[in-house]
Amino acid sequence: MEGQGGSESEPTRIMVAVNESSIKGYPHASISSRGAFEWTLEKIVRDRTTGFKLLILHVQVPDEDGFDDIDSIYASPGDFQEIKDRDKKRGLHLLEYFVEKCHRIGVSCEAWLKKGDAKEVICHEVRRVEPDLLVVGCRGLGPFQRVFVGTVSEFCQKHAECPVITIKRKADEMPQDPVDD
């Protein structure tokens, strides 16, 4: 990609931050994550698969990703290990979806899991990995909902040390409650 600061042998590295759907009983990529990923493939990568490398980051938020079963009883240290193992499997299943799609179309990729506050971890990983671009999904919440939910995309726009593209959900993908994703 001459003229963009690198040689032709160096692909443009795009980090795509992905998360799991918050809709109960739906252990898949969130609507926003799928939208950001698909947009990256359709509008940036297109058919130039050798010119890009996708860096797929999934941040598991400890409070969100483990305690679906309110009625569970934790009586031994092993009980907690089971939760950690289950969370890791769910995270790996999520990454597998994106990696398989990349391999199917022939674009190189790397994918990894981190735990913590999504907005902080994404910005930390941007500093560490130094991608050329960060793509994040956005639920398109109104100002009232944003106050209570907070948005990872807005934080990344302000703090990530690379250009950031935010992709909103399409109108026809909106769940009944816009806070769901």
Protein backbone atom coordinates (compact mmCIF):
# COMPACT_ATOMS: atom_id res chain seq x y z
CA MET A 1 0.00 0.00 0.00
CA GLU A 2 2.40 2.60 -1.20
CA GLY A 3 1.74 6.21 -0.32
CA GLN A 4 0.34 5.29 3.09
CA GLY A 5 3.55 5.23 5.07
CA GLY A 6 4.43 1.54 4.61
CA SER A 7 5.84 -0.77 2.00
CA GLU A 8 3.61 -3.00 -0.10
CA SER A 9 4.65 -6.02 1.96
CA GLU A 10 3.25 -4.55 5.18
CA PRO A 11 -0.51 -4.94 5.48
CA THR A 12 -2.68 -2.25 7.01
CA ARG A 13 -3.48 -3.47 10.51
CA ILE A 14 -7.07 -2.89 11.62
CA MET A 15 -8.09 -3.68 15.18
CA VAL A 16 -11.75 -4.61 15.53
CA ALA A 17 -13.07 -4.68 19.10
CA VAL A 18 -15.81 -7.28 19.47
CA ASN A 19 -18.11 -8.35 22.29
CA GLU A 20 -20.70 -10.95 23.07
CA SER A 21 -24.39 -10.24 22.70
CA SER A 22 -26.09 -9.02 25.86
CA ILE A 23 -29.41 -10.57 24.78
CA LYS A 24 -30.12 -13.49 27.12
CA GLY A 25 -30.00 -16.93 25.58
CA TYR A 26 -28.03 -15.58 22.63
CA PRO A 27 -24.36 -16.52 23.07
CA HIS A 28 -23.14 -14.93 19.85
CA ALA A 29 -21.38 -11.80 18.67
CA SER A 30 -23.28 -8.64 19.53
CA ILE A 31 -25.21 -6.83 16.82
CA SER A 32 -22.71 -3.94 17.01
CA SER A 33 -19.66 -6.22 16.79
CA ARG A 34 -20.97 -8.07 13.77
CA GLY A 35 -21.87 -4.76 12.14
CA ALA A 36 -18.41 -3.27 12.73
CA PHE A 37 -16.69 -6.43 11.47
CA GLU A 38 -18.89 -6.75 8.36
CA TRP A 39 -18.49 -3.03 7.58
CA THR A 40 -14.70 -3.40 7.80
CA LEU A 41 -14.76 -6.29 5.36
CA GLU A 42 -17.20 -4.67 2.93
CA LYS A 43 -15.97 -1.07 2.94
CA ILE A 44 -12.26 -1.27 3.73
CA VAL A 45 -10.90 -4.73 2.92
CA ARG A 46 -13.22 -5.42 -0.05
CA ASP A 47 -11.33 -7.78 -2.38
CA ARG A 48 -7.86 -6.59 -1.32
CA THR A 49 -7.48 -9.31 1.30
CA THR A 50 -3.66 -9.44 1.18
CA GLY A 51 -3.39 -5.72 1.96
CA PHE A 52 -4.93 -6.03 5.42
CA LYS A 53 -4.54 -7.84 8.70
CA LEU A 54 -7.44 -7.84 11.16
CA LEU A 55 -6.63 -7.77 14.86
CA ILE A 56 -9.72 -9.01 16.68
CA LEU A 57 -9.91 -8.17 20.36
CA HIS A 58 -12.60 -9.43 22.72
CA VAL A 59 -12.68 -7.95 26.21
CA GLN A 60 -14.60 -10.04 28.72
CA VAL A 61 -16.13 -7.87 31.40
CA PRO A 62 -16.06 -9.90 34.63
CA ASP A 63 -19.42 -8.65 35.93
CA GLU A 64 -21.20 -9.28 32.63
CA ASP A 65 -19.70 -12.54 31.52
CA GLY A 66 -20.06 -14.92 34.40
CA PHE A 67 -23.07 -14.71 36.54
CA ASP A 68 -26.11 -15.54 34.42
CA ASP A 69 -27.19 -18.13 36.96
CA ILE A 70 -28.34 -16.03 39.90
CA ASP A 71 -29.44 -19.17 41.78
CA SER A 72 -26.06 -20.91 41.61
CA ILE A 73 -24.38 -21.81 44.87
CA TYR A 74 -20.60 -21.58 45.07
CA ALA A 75 -19.34 -23.92 47.78
CA SER A 76 -15.77 -24.67 46.74
CA PRO A 77 -12.88 -23.03 44.89
CA GLY A 78 -13.54 -25.45 42.02
CA ASP A 79 -16.96 -23.88 41.46
CA PHE A 80 -15.29 -20.61 40.52
CA GLN A 81 -12.86 -22.36 38.19
CA GLU A 82 -15.85 -23.80 36.33
CA ILE A 83 -17.17 -20.27 35.79
CA LYS A 84 -13.78 -19.07 34.54
CA ASP A 85 -13.52 -22.06 32.19
CA ARG A 86 -17.05 -21.49 30.88
CA ASP A 87 -16.36 -17.78 30.31
CA LYS A 88 -13.13 -18.55 28.47
CA LYS A 89 -14.94 -21.10 26.27
CA ARG A 90 -17.63 -18.55 25.43
CA GLY A 91 -14.97 -15.95 24.60
CA LEU A 92 -13.07 -18.40 22.41
CA HIS A 93 -16.31 -19.41 20.67
CA LEU A 94 -16.92 -15.74 19.92
CA LEU A 95 -13.42 -15.22 18.50
CA GLU A 96 -13.74 -18.42 16.46
CA TYR A 97 -16.72 -16.89 14.61
CA PHE A 98 -14.62 -13.93 13.42
CA VAL A 99 -11.44 -15.94 12.71
CA GLU A 100 -13.34 -18.50 10.63
CA LYS A 101 -14.92 -15.71 8.59
CA CYS A 102 -11.49 -14.13 7.95
CA HIS A 103 -10.04 -17.47 6.85
CA ARG A 104 -13.01 -18.15 4.58
CA ILE A 105 -12.37 -14.95 2.62
CA GLY A 106 -8.56 -15.12 2.84
CA VAL A 107 -7.73 -12.10 5.03
CA SER A 108 -5.05 -12.66 7.67
CA CYS A 109 -6.00 -12.11 11.29
CA GLU A 110 -5.05 -12.50 14.91
CA ALA A 111 -7.56 -12.73 17.73
CA TRP A 112 -7.17 -12.61 21.48
CA LEU A 113 -9.09 -12.34 24.76
CA LYS A 114 -8.52 -9.88 27.59
CA LYS A 115 -10.47 -9.31 30.79
CA GLY A 116 -11.37 -5.99 32.37
CA ASP A 117 -13.12 -2.72 31.67
CA ALA A 118 -13.68 -2.80 27.91
CA LYS A 119 -12.89 0.86 27.17
CA GLU A 120 -9.69 0.86 29.25
CA VAL A 121 -8.48 -2.48 27.90
CA ILE A 122 -9.15 -1.53 24.26
CA CYS A 123 -7.16 1.70 24.62
CA HIS A 124 -4.35 -0.17 26.40
CA GLU A 125 -4.23 -2.77 23.63
CA VAL A 126 -4.15 -0.01 20.99
CA ARG A 127 -1.07 1.43 22.72
CA ARG A 128 0.53 -2.01 22.98
CA VAL A 129 -0.24 -3.34 19.48
CA GLU A 130 -0.20 -0.02 17.56
CA PRO A 131 -2.79 -0.79 14.86
CA ASP A 132 -3.25 1.62 11.96
CA LEU A 133 -6.96 1.91 12.72
CA LEU A 134 -9.50 0.87 15.36
CA VAL A 135 -13.06 -0.09 14.41
CA VAL A 136 -15.70 -0.33 17.14
CA GLY A 137 -19.41 -0.96 17.03
CA CYS A 138 -21.87 1.46 18.57
CA ARG A 139 -25.42 0.85 19.75
CA GLY A 140 -26.55 4.34 18.77
CA LEU A 141 -28.10 5.08 22.17
CA GLY A 142 -29.78 8.39 22.90
CA PRO A 143 -28.31 10.82 25.46
CA PHE A 144 -30.53 9.55 28.28
CA GLN A 145 -29.48 5.91 27.79
CA ARG A 146 -25.80 6.86 27.39
CA VAL A 147 -25.78 8.43 30.87
CA PHE A 148 -26.63 5.07 32.43
CA VAL A 149 -24.85 2.73 30.06
CA GLY A 150 -21.73 4.71 29.17
CA THR A 151 -20.26 4.03 25.78
CA VAL A 152 -17.05 2.28 24.92
CA SER A 153 -17.06 3.85 21.45
CA GLU A 154 -17.11 7.44 22.76
CA PHE A 155 -14.28 6.70 25.20
CA CYS A 156 -12.19 5.11 22.44
CA GLN A 157 -12.84 8.07 20.12
CA LYS A 158 -11.33 10.35 22.76
CA HIS A 159 -8.51 8.20 24.14
CA ALA A 160 -7.30 5.63 21.59
CA GLU A 161 -3.92 6.50 20.11
CA CYS A 162 -4.93 5.78 16.51
CA PRO A 163 -7.76 6.79 14.18
CA VAL A 164 -11.10 5.33 15.30
CA ILE A 165 -14.12 4.50 13.17
CA THR A 166 -17.41 3.93 14.98
CA ILE A 167 -20.07 1.88 13.21
CA LYS A 168 -23.68 2.31 14.35
CA ARG A 169 -26.21 -0.48 14.18
CA LYS A 170 -28.54 -0.44 11.21
CA ALA A 171 -32.12 0.62 11.94
CA ASP A 172 -33.43 -2.82 10.98
CA GLU A 173 -31.08 -4.46 13.50
CA MET A 174 -32.41 -2.57 16.52
CA PRO A 175 -33.71 -4.91 19.23
CA GLN A 176 -36.83 -3.99 21.18
CA ASP A 177 -34.74 -2.36 23.89
CA PRO A 178 -31.92 -0.29 22.31
CA VAL A 179 -29.70 -0.99 25.33
CA ASP A 180 -29.64 -4.66 24.28
CA ASP A 181 -26.93 -5.63 21.87
